[in-house]
Amino acid sequence: MAGDRFVDTYLGYLLGQANHALYKEFDAQVRARGLSSIEWRVLATLHDGDPLTVSQLAQEVLSKQPTVTKLVQRMADQGWVALHADAADQRRTLVKVTPAGRRLVKPLVEAAREHEARVLRSLGATEKAALRKLLEKIAQHA
């Protein structure tokens, strides 16, 4: 009977299922643009914000720092991001999206917004706002 299994009510599982439902269809669009999911997350994170250190970026894109270090070097070689030493601390590397990276990710960001709207269309505005607020609260306190 539904609801009797642990995973049917476990928040981690439900969040994972919701993430999968939200992302599985959109991932095809990401791949069609020649990006991996982590490249997409890097460009989406950087496209409209300030440069981030590699460690900040790793945290934002939900990956390990060594993985992101190698990834951003490859992305710099592609011309999608630029790497600079942090003026405040030369040991840190700042990652900034380039105009080419911004051009690449812009249509995907628009498509992601449209996709999210379609997936969440069964929720009212109040429910959407509450969902976002609760997810932010969980992420901040986890």
N, C-alpha and C. Protein backbone atom coordinates (compact mmCIF):
# COMPACT_ATOMS: atom_id res chain seq x y z
N MET A 1 0.84 -1.18 0.00
CA MET A 1 0.00 0.00 0.00
C MET A 1 0.89 1.25 0.00
N ALA A 2 0.56 2.21 -0.86
CA ALA A 2 1.34 3.44 -0.96
C ALA A 2 1.37 4.17 0.38
N GLY A 3 2.50 4.74 0.69
CA GLY A 3 2.64 5.48 1.94
C GLY A 3 3.18 4.65 3.08
N ASP A 4 3.20 3.32 2.92
CA ASP A 4 3.69 2.45 3.98
C ASP A 4 5.20 2.28 3.92
N ARG A 5 5.80 2.53 2.77
CA ARG A 5 7.23 2.37 2.64
C ARG A 5 7.95 3.60 3.18
N PHE A 6 9.12 3.38 3.74
CA PHE A 6 9.94 4.47 4.27
C PHE A 6 10.17 5.55 3.23
N VAL A 7 10.57 5.13 2.01
CA VAL A 7 10.93 6.10 0.98
C VAL A 7 9.75 6.94 0.51
N ASP A 8 8.52 6.47 0.74
CA ASP A 8 7.35 7.23 0.30
C ASP A 8 7.15 8.50 1.11
N THR A 9 7.76 8.56 2.29
CA THR A 9 7.59 9.75 3.14
C THR A 9 8.93 10.38 3.54
N TYR A 10 10.04 9.78 3.15
CA TYR A 10 11.36 10.30 3.52
C TYR A 10 11.68 11.52 2.68
N LEU A 11 11.95 12.63 3.34
CA LEU A 11 12.16 13.90 2.65
C LEU A 11 13.30 13.84 1.64
N GLY A 12 14.41 13.21 1.99
CA GLY A 12 15.53 13.11 1.07
C GLY A 12 15.15 12.41 -0.22
N TYR A 13 14.38 11.35 -0.09
CA TYR A 13 13.93 10.61 -1.27
C TYR A 13 12.96 11.46 -2.09
N LEU A 14 12.02 12.11 -1.42
CA LEU A 14 11.04 12.94 -2.12
C LEU A 14 11.71 14.11 -2.84
N LEU A 15 12.69 14.73 -2.18
CA LEU A 15 13.42 15.81 -2.84
C LEU A 15 14.19 15.30 -4.05
N GLY A 16 14.79 14.13 -3.91
CA GLY A 16 15.50 13.52 -5.04
C GLY A 16 14.57 13.22 -6.20
N GLN A 17 13.40 12.69 -5.88
CA GLN A 17 12.42 12.38 -6.93
C GLN A 17 11.93 13.66 -7.61
N ALA A 18 11.70 14.70 -6.81
CA ALA A 18 11.26 15.98 -7.37
C ALA A 18 12.35 16.57 -8.26
N ASN A 19 13.59 16.50 -7.81
CA ASN A 19 14.72 17.00 -8.61
C ASN A 19 14.81 16.23 -9.92
N HIS A 20 14.68 14.94 -9.85
CA HIS A 20 14.75 14.12 -11.05
C HIS A 20 13.62 14.49 -12.02
N ALA A 21 12.41 14.65 -11.49
CA ALA A 21 11.27 15.01 -12.33
C ALA A 21 11.48 16.37 -12.99
N LEU A 22 12.07 17.30 -12.25
CA LEU A 22 12.30 18.64 -12.77
C LEU A 22 13.41 18.64 -13.81
N TYR A 23 14.44 17.84 -13.61
CA TYR A 23 15.64 17.95 -14.44
C TYR A 23 15.72 16.95 -15.60
N LYS A 24 15.07 15.80 -15.51
CA LYS A 24 15.30 14.75 -16.51
C LYS A 24 14.98 15.21 -17.93
N GLU A 25 13.91 15.92 -18.14
CA GLU A 25 13.55 16.38 -19.47
C GLU A 25 14.46 17.52 -19.92
N PHE A 26 14.78 18.42 -19.00
CA PHE A 26 15.61 19.57 -19.33
C PHE A 26 17.04 19.15 -19.66
N ASP A 27 17.51 18.08 -19.08
CA ASP A 27 18.87 17.60 -19.32
C ASP A 27 19.12 17.35 -20.81
N ALA A 28 18.11 16.93 -21.54
CA ALA A 28 18.28 16.70 -22.97
C ALA A 28 18.61 18.00 -23.70
N GLN A 29 18.03 19.10 -23.26
CA GLN A 29 18.33 20.40 -23.87
C GLN A 29 19.76 20.83 -23.56
N VAL A 30 20.20 20.56 -22.33
CA VAL A 30 21.57 20.87 -21.93
C VAL A 30 22.55 20.10 -22.80
N ARG A 31 22.32 18.82 -22.95
CA ARG A 31 23.22 17.98 -23.74
C ARG A 31 23.19 18.36 -25.22
N ALA A 32 22.02 18.77 -25.71
CA ALA A 32 21.92 19.19 -27.11
C ALA A 32 22.76 20.43 -27.39
N ARG A 33 23.02 21.24 -26.36
CA ARG A 33 23.87 22.42 -26.50
C ARG A 33 25.34 22.09 -26.29
N GLY A 34 25.63 20.79 -26.08
CA GLY A 34 27.02 20.36 -25.95
C GLY A 34 27.60 20.49 -24.56
N LEU A 35 26.74 20.61 -23.55
CA LEU A 35 27.19 20.75 -22.17
C LEU A 35 26.85 19.53 -21.35
N SER A 36 27.70 19.23 -20.38
CA SER A 36 27.35 18.23 -19.37
C SER A 36 26.51 18.93 -18.31
N SER A 37 25.89 18.16 -17.44
CA SER A 37 25.05 18.77 -16.40
C SER A 37 25.87 19.65 -15.47
N ILE A 38 27.10 19.27 -15.15
CA ILE A 38 27.91 20.10 -14.25
C ILE A 38 28.40 21.36 -14.96
N GLU A 39 28.69 21.28 -16.27
CA GLU A 39 29.05 22.49 -17.01
C GLU A 39 27.88 23.47 -17.03
N TRP A 40 26.68 22.93 -17.21
CA TRP A 40 25.47 23.75 -17.16
C TRP A 40 25.35 24.44 -15.80
N ARG A 41 25.54 23.68 -14.73
CA ARG A 41 25.40 24.26 -13.39
C ARG A 41 26.44 25.36 -13.16
N VAL A 42 27.66 25.15 -13.65
CA VAL A 42 28.70 26.18 -13.50
C VAL A 42 28.30 27.44 -14.25
N LEU A 43 27.92 27.31 -15.50
CA LEU A 43 27.57 28.49 -16.30
C LEU A 43 26.31 29.16 -15.77
N ALA A 44 25.33 28.38 -15.36
CA ALA A 44 24.09 28.96 -14.81
C ALA A 44 24.38 29.72 -13.52
N THR A 45 25.31 29.21 -12.72
CA THR A 45 25.67 29.86 -11.47
C THR A 45 26.41 31.16 -11.72
N LEU A 46 27.28 31.18 -12.70
CA LEU A 46 28.13 32.34 -12.94
C LEU A 46 27.53 33.39 -13.87
N HIS A 47 26.56 33.04 -14.69
CA HIS A 47 26.16 33.91 -15.80
C HIS A 47 25.63 35.27 -15.38
N ASP A 48 25.09 35.40 -14.19
CA ASP A 48 24.51 36.69 -13.79
C ASP A 48 24.99 37.14 -12.41
N GLY A 49 26.15 36.65 -12.03
CA GLY A 49 26.66 37.02 -10.72
C GLY A 49 28.13 37.40 -10.78
N ASP A 50 28.65 37.68 -9.61
CA ASP A 50 30.06 38.02 -9.49
C ASP A 50 30.93 36.77 -9.64
N PRO A 51 32.21 36.96 -9.95
CA PRO A 51 33.13 35.81 -9.98
C PRO A 51 33.14 35.11 -8.61
N LEU A 52 33.37 33.82 -8.64
CA LEU A 52 33.42 33.01 -7.42
C LEU A 52 34.76 32.31 -7.34
N THR A 53 35.19 32.03 -6.12
CA THR A 53 36.37 31.18 -5.97
C THR A 53 35.98 29.77 -6.38
N VAL A 54 36.98 28.96 -6.67
CA VAL A 54 36.70 27.57 -7.05
C VAL A 54 35.97 26.85 -5.93
N SER A 55 36.35 27.10 -4.68
CA SER A 55 35.68 26.42 -3.56
C SER A 55 34.23 26.89 -3.43
N GLN A 56 33.97 28.18 -3.62
CA GLN A 56 32.59 28.66 -3.58
C GLN A 56 31.78 28.03 -4.72
N LEU A 57 32.38 27.98 -5.89
CA LEU A 57 31.70 27.41 -7.04
C LEU A 57 31.40 25.94 -6.83
N ALA A 58 32.36 25.20 -6.27
CA ALA A 58 32.14 23.78 -6.00
C ALA A 58 30.94 23.60 -5.07
N GLN A 59 30.84 24.43 -4.06
CA GLN A 59 29.71 24.34 -3.14
C GLN A 59 28.40 24.65 -3.87
N GLU A 60 28.42 25.67 -4.69
CA GLU A 60 27.21 26.07 -5.42
C GLU A 60 26.74 25.00 -6.40
N VAL A 61 27.68 24.33 -7.07
CA VAL A 61 27.29 23.36 -8.10
C VAL A 61 27.22 21.94 -7.57
N LEU A 62 27.37 21.80 -6.26
CA LEU A 62 27.20 20.50 -5.59
C LEU A 62 28.23 19.48 -6.05
N SER A 63 29.48 19.91 -6.08
CA SER A 63 30.54 19.01 -6.50
C SER A 63 31.77 19.21 -5.62
N LYS A 64 32.74 18.34 -5.78
CA LYS A 64 33.98 18.43 -4.99
C LYS A 64 34.92 19.44 -5.64
N GLN A 65 35.71 20.10 -4.80
CA GLN A 65 36.62 21.13 -5.30
C GLN A 65 37.60 20.60 -6.35
N PRO A 66 38.25 19.44 -6.15
CA PRO A 66 39.18 18.96 -7.18
C PRO A 66 38.49 18.75 -8.54
N THR A 67 37.26 18.26 -8.50
CA THR A 67 36.50 18.06 -9.74
C THR A 67 36.25 19.39 -10.43
N VAL A 68 35.84 20.39 -9.65
CA VAL A 68 35.53 21.70 -10.22
C VAL A 68 36.81 22.39 -10.70
N THR A 69 37.91 22.20 -10.00
CA THR A 69 39.18 22.78 -10.43
C THR A 69 39.53 22.28 -11.84
N LYS A 70 39.44 20.98 -12.06
CA LYS A 70 39.73 20.42 -13.39
C LYS A 70 38.70 20.88 -14.42
N LEU A 71 37.46 20.91 -14.01
CA LEU A 71 36.38 21.29 -14.92
C LEU A 71 36.54 22.73 -15.39
N VAL A 72 36.77 23.66 -14.48
CA VAL A 72 36.87 25.06 -14.91
C VAL A 72 38.10 25.30 -15.77
N GLN A 73 39.14 24.52 -15.58
CA GLN A 73 40.29 24.65 -16.48
C GLN A 73 39.90 24.23 -17.89
N ARG A 74 39.17 23.14 -18.01
CA ARG A 74 38.70 22.71 -19.34
C ARG A 74 37.74 23.74 -19.93
N MET A 75 36.88 24.30 -19.08
CA MET A 75 35.92 25.31 -19.55
C MET A 75 36.65 26.60 -19.96
N ALA A 76 37.74 26.91 -19.27
CA ALA A 76 38.55 28.07 -19.67
C ALA A 76 39.19 27.81 -21.03
N ASP A 77 39.65 26.58 -21.25
CA ASP A 77 40.24 26.22 -22.54
C ASP A 77 39.20 26.35 -23.67
N GLN A 78 37.93 26.11 -23.33
CA GLN A 78 36.84 26.25 -24.31
C GLN A 78 36.47 27.72 -24.52
N GLY A 79 36.92 28.59 -23.61
CA GLY A 79 36.58 30.01 -23.71
C GLY A 79 35.30 30.39 -23.00
N TRP A 80 34.75 29.49 -22.19
CA TRP A 80 33.48 29.74 -21.51
C TRP A 80 33.64 30.47 -20.19
N VAL A 81 34.79 30.29 -19.52
CA VAL A 81 35.06 30.97 -18.26
C VAL A 81 36.49 31.49 -18.32
N ALA A 82 36.77 32.46 -17.45
CA ALA A 82 38.12 32.99 -17.30
C ALA A 82 38.55 32.78 -15.85
N LEU A 83 39.81 32.45 -15.67
CA LEU A 83 40.36 32.21 -14.34
C LEU A 83 41.36 33.31 -14.01
N HIS A 84 41.22 33.86 -12.80
CA HIS A 84 42.11 34.93 -12.36
C HIS A 84 42.47 34.70 -10.90
N ALA A 85 43.68 35.09 -10.55
CA ALA A 85 44.07 35.06 -9.13
C ALA A 85 43.26 36.11 -8.39
N ASP A 86 42.81 35.77 -7.20
CA ASP A 86 42.07 36.69 -6.34
C ASP A 86 43.04 37.75 -5.82
N ALA A 87 42.76 39.02 -6.07
CA ALA A 87 43.65 40.11 -5.63
C ALA A 87 43.79 40.13 -4.12
N ALA A 88 42.74 39.70 -3.41
CA ALA A 88 42.77 39.70 -1.95
C ALA A 88 43.58 38.54 -1.38
N ASP A 89 43.69 37.46 -2.15
CA ASP A 89 44.41 36.27 -1.70
C ASP A 89 44.89 35.52 -2.94
N GLN A 90 46.15 35.67 -3.27
CA GLN A 90 46.71 35.10 -4.50
C GLN A 90 46.63 33.57 -4.55
N ARG A 91 46.38 32.94 -3.42
CA ARG A 91 46.27 31.48 -3.41
C ARG A 91 44.94 31.01 -3.97
N ARG A 92 43.98 31.91 -4.04
CA ARG A 92 42.64 31.56 -4.52
C ARG A 92 42.47 31.95 -5.97
N THR A 93 41.74 31.14 -6.69
CA THR A 93 41.43 31.42 -8.09
C THR A 93 39.97 31.83 -8.20
N LEU A 94 39.73 32.93 -8.89
CA LEU A 94 38.36 33.38 -9.17
C LEU A 94 37.95 32.89 -10.55
N VAL A 95 36.70 32.48 -10.66
CA VAL A 95 36.14 32.00 -11.91
C VAL A 95 35.04 32.97 -12.34
N LYS A 96 35.16 33.42 -13.59
CA LYS A 96 34.20 34.38 -14.13
C LYS A 96 33.72 33.88 -15.49
N VAL A 97 32.46 34.02 -15.76
CA VAL A 97 31.94 33.63 -17.07
C VAL A 97 32.43 34.64 -18.10
N THR A 98 32.71 34.16 -19.29
CA THR A 98 33.12 35.03 -20.40
C THR A 98 31.88 35.38 -21.23
N PRO A 99 32.01 36.35 -22.12
CA PRO A 99 30.88 36.63 -23.02
C PRO A 99 30.46 35.39 -23.82
N ALA A 100 31.42 34.58 -24.24
CA ALA A 100 31.08 33.35 -24.98
C ALA A 100 30.29 32.38 -24.10
N GLY A 101 30.69 32.25 -22.85
CA GLY A 101 29.97 31.39 -21.91
C GLY A 101 28.57 31.91 -21.65
N ARG A 102 28.45 33.23 -21.53
CA ARG A 102 27.15 33.85 -21.30
C ARG A 102 26.23 33.62 -22.50
N ARG A 103 26.78 33.77 -23.71
CA ARG A 103 25.98 33.53 -24.92
C ARG A 103 25.51 32.07 -24.99
N LEU A 104 26.38 31.16 -24.58
CA LEU A 104 26.05 29.74 -24.61
C LEU A 104 24.93 29.40 -23.62
N VAL A 105 25.00 29.99 -22.43
CA VAL A 105 24.07 29.60 -21.38
C VAL A 105 22.76 30.38 -21.39
N LYS A 106 22.75 31.56 -21.99
CA LYS A 106 21.55 32.40 -21.95
C LYS A 106 20.29 31.68 -22.46
N PRO A 107 20.32 31.04 -23.63
CA PRO A 107 19.11 30.36 -24.08
C PRO A 107 18.72 29.20 -23.17
N LEU A 108 19.70 28.57 -22.55
CA LEU A 108 19.39 27.48 -21.61
C LEU A 108 18.74 28.01 -20.34
N VAL A 109 19.18 29.15 -19.87
CA VAL A 109 18.55 29.74 -18.68
C VAL A 109 17.09 30.06 -18.99
N GLU A 110 16.84 30.63 -20.15
CA GLU A 110 15.47 30.93 -20.55
C GLU A 110 14.65 29.65 -20.67
N ALA A 111 15.24 28.62 -21.26
CA ALA A 111 14.55 27.34 -21.40
C ALA A 111 14.30 26.71 -20.02
N ALA A 112 15.24 26.86 -19.11
CA ALA A 112 15.07 26.32 -17.75
C ALA A 112 13.91 27.00 -17.04
N ARG A 113 13.81 28.31 -17.21
CA ARG A 113 12.68 29.04 -16.59
C ARG A 113 11.35 28.57 -17.17
N GLU A 114 11.30 28.39 -18.48
CA GLU A 114 10.07 27.91 -19.12
C GLU A 114 9.74 26.49 -18.67
N HIS A 115 10.75 25.65 -18.60
CA HIS A 115 10.55 24.26 -18.17
C HIS A 115 10.05 24.21 -16.73
N GLU A 116 10.67 24.99 -15.87
CA GLU A 116 10.24 25.04 -14.47
C GLU A 116 8.78 25.48 -14.37
N ALA A 117 8.41 26.48 -15.14
CA ALA A 117 7.03 26.97 -15.12
C ALA A 117 6.06 25.86 -15.53
N ARG A 118 6.43 25.08 -16.55
CA ARG A 118 5.57 23.97 -16.99
C ARG A 118 5.44 22.91 -15.90
N VAL A 119 6.58 22.56 -15.29
CA VAL A 119 6.57 21.51 -14.26
C VAL A 119 5.74 21.94 -13.05
N LEU A 120 5.83 23.22 -12.72
CA LEU A 120 5.15 23.71 -11.52
C LEU A 120 3.77 24.31 -11.80
N ARG A 121 3.26 24.15 -13.01
CA ARG A 121 1.99 24.80 -13.36
C ARG A 121 0.81 24.33 -12.50
N SER A 122 0.90 23.15 -11.91
CA SER A 122 -0.21 22.69 -11.07
C SER A 122 -0.23 23.35 -9.69
N LEU A 123 0.82 24.10 -9.37
CA LEU A 123 0.88 24.80 -8.08
C LEU A 123 0.43 26.25 -8.26
N GLY A 124 -0.24 26.76 -7.25
CA GLY A 124 -0.61 28.16 -7.26
C GLY A 124 0.58 29.02 -6.88
N ALA A 125 0.44 30.33 -7.07
CA ALA A 125 1.54 31.26 -6.77
C ALA A 125 1.96 31.17 -5.31
N THR A 126 1.02 31.03 -4.41
CA THR A 126 1.33 30.93 -2.98
C THR A 126 2.10 29.65 -2.69
N GLU A 127 1.69 28.56 -3.32
CA GLU A 127 2.39 27.29 -3.12
C GLU A 127 3.81 27.34 -3.67
N LYS A 128 3.98 27.94 -4.82
CA LYS A 128 5.32 28.08 -5.41
C LYS A 128 6.23 28.90 -4.50
N ALA A 129 5.71 30.01 -4.00
CA ALA A 129 6.50 30.87 -3.12
C ALA A 129 6.84 30.12 -1.83
N ALA A 130 5.88 29.39 -1.28
CA ALA A 130 6.12 28.63 -0.05
C ALA A 130 7.14 27.53 -0.29
N LEU A 131 7.03 26.84 -1.41
CA LEU A 131 7.99 25.78 -1.75
C LEU A 131 9.40 26.33 -1.84
N ARG A 132 9.57 27.43 -2.55
CA ARG A 132 10.90 28.04 -2.67
C ARG A 132 11.44 28.46 -1.30
N LYS A 133 10.60 29.06 -0.51
CA LYS A 133 11.02 29.53 0.82
C LYS A 133 11.44 28.35 1.70
N LEU A 134 10.66 27.29 1.68
CA LEU A 134 10.99 26.11 2.50
C LEU A 134 12.27 25.44 2.01
N LEU A 135 12.44 25.32 0.71
CA LEU A 135 13.66 24.70 0.18
C LEU A 135 14.89 25.54 0.51
N GLU A 136 14.77 26.85 0.41
CA GLU A 136 15.89 27.73 0.79
C GLU A 136 16.23 27.55 2.27
N LYS A 137 15.20 27.46 3.09
CA LYS A 137 15.41 27.31 4.54
C LYS A 137 16.12 25.99 4.85
N ILE A 138 15.68 24.92 4.21
CA ILE A 138 16.31 23.62 4.40
C ILE A 138 17.78 23.67 3.95
N ALA A 139 18.01 24.25 2.78
CA ALA A 139 19.39 24.32 2.24
C ALA A 139 20.29 25.13 3.13
N GLN A 140 19.79 26.21 3.71
CA GLN A 140 20.61 27.06 4.58
C GLN A 140 20.94 26.40 5.91
N HIS A 141 20.08 25.51 6.37
CA HIS A 141 20.26 24.93 7.70
C HIS A 141 20.73 23.48 7.68
N ALA A 142 21.00 22.98 6.50
CA ALA A 142 21.42 21.58 6.40
C ALA A 142 22.89 21.43 6.71
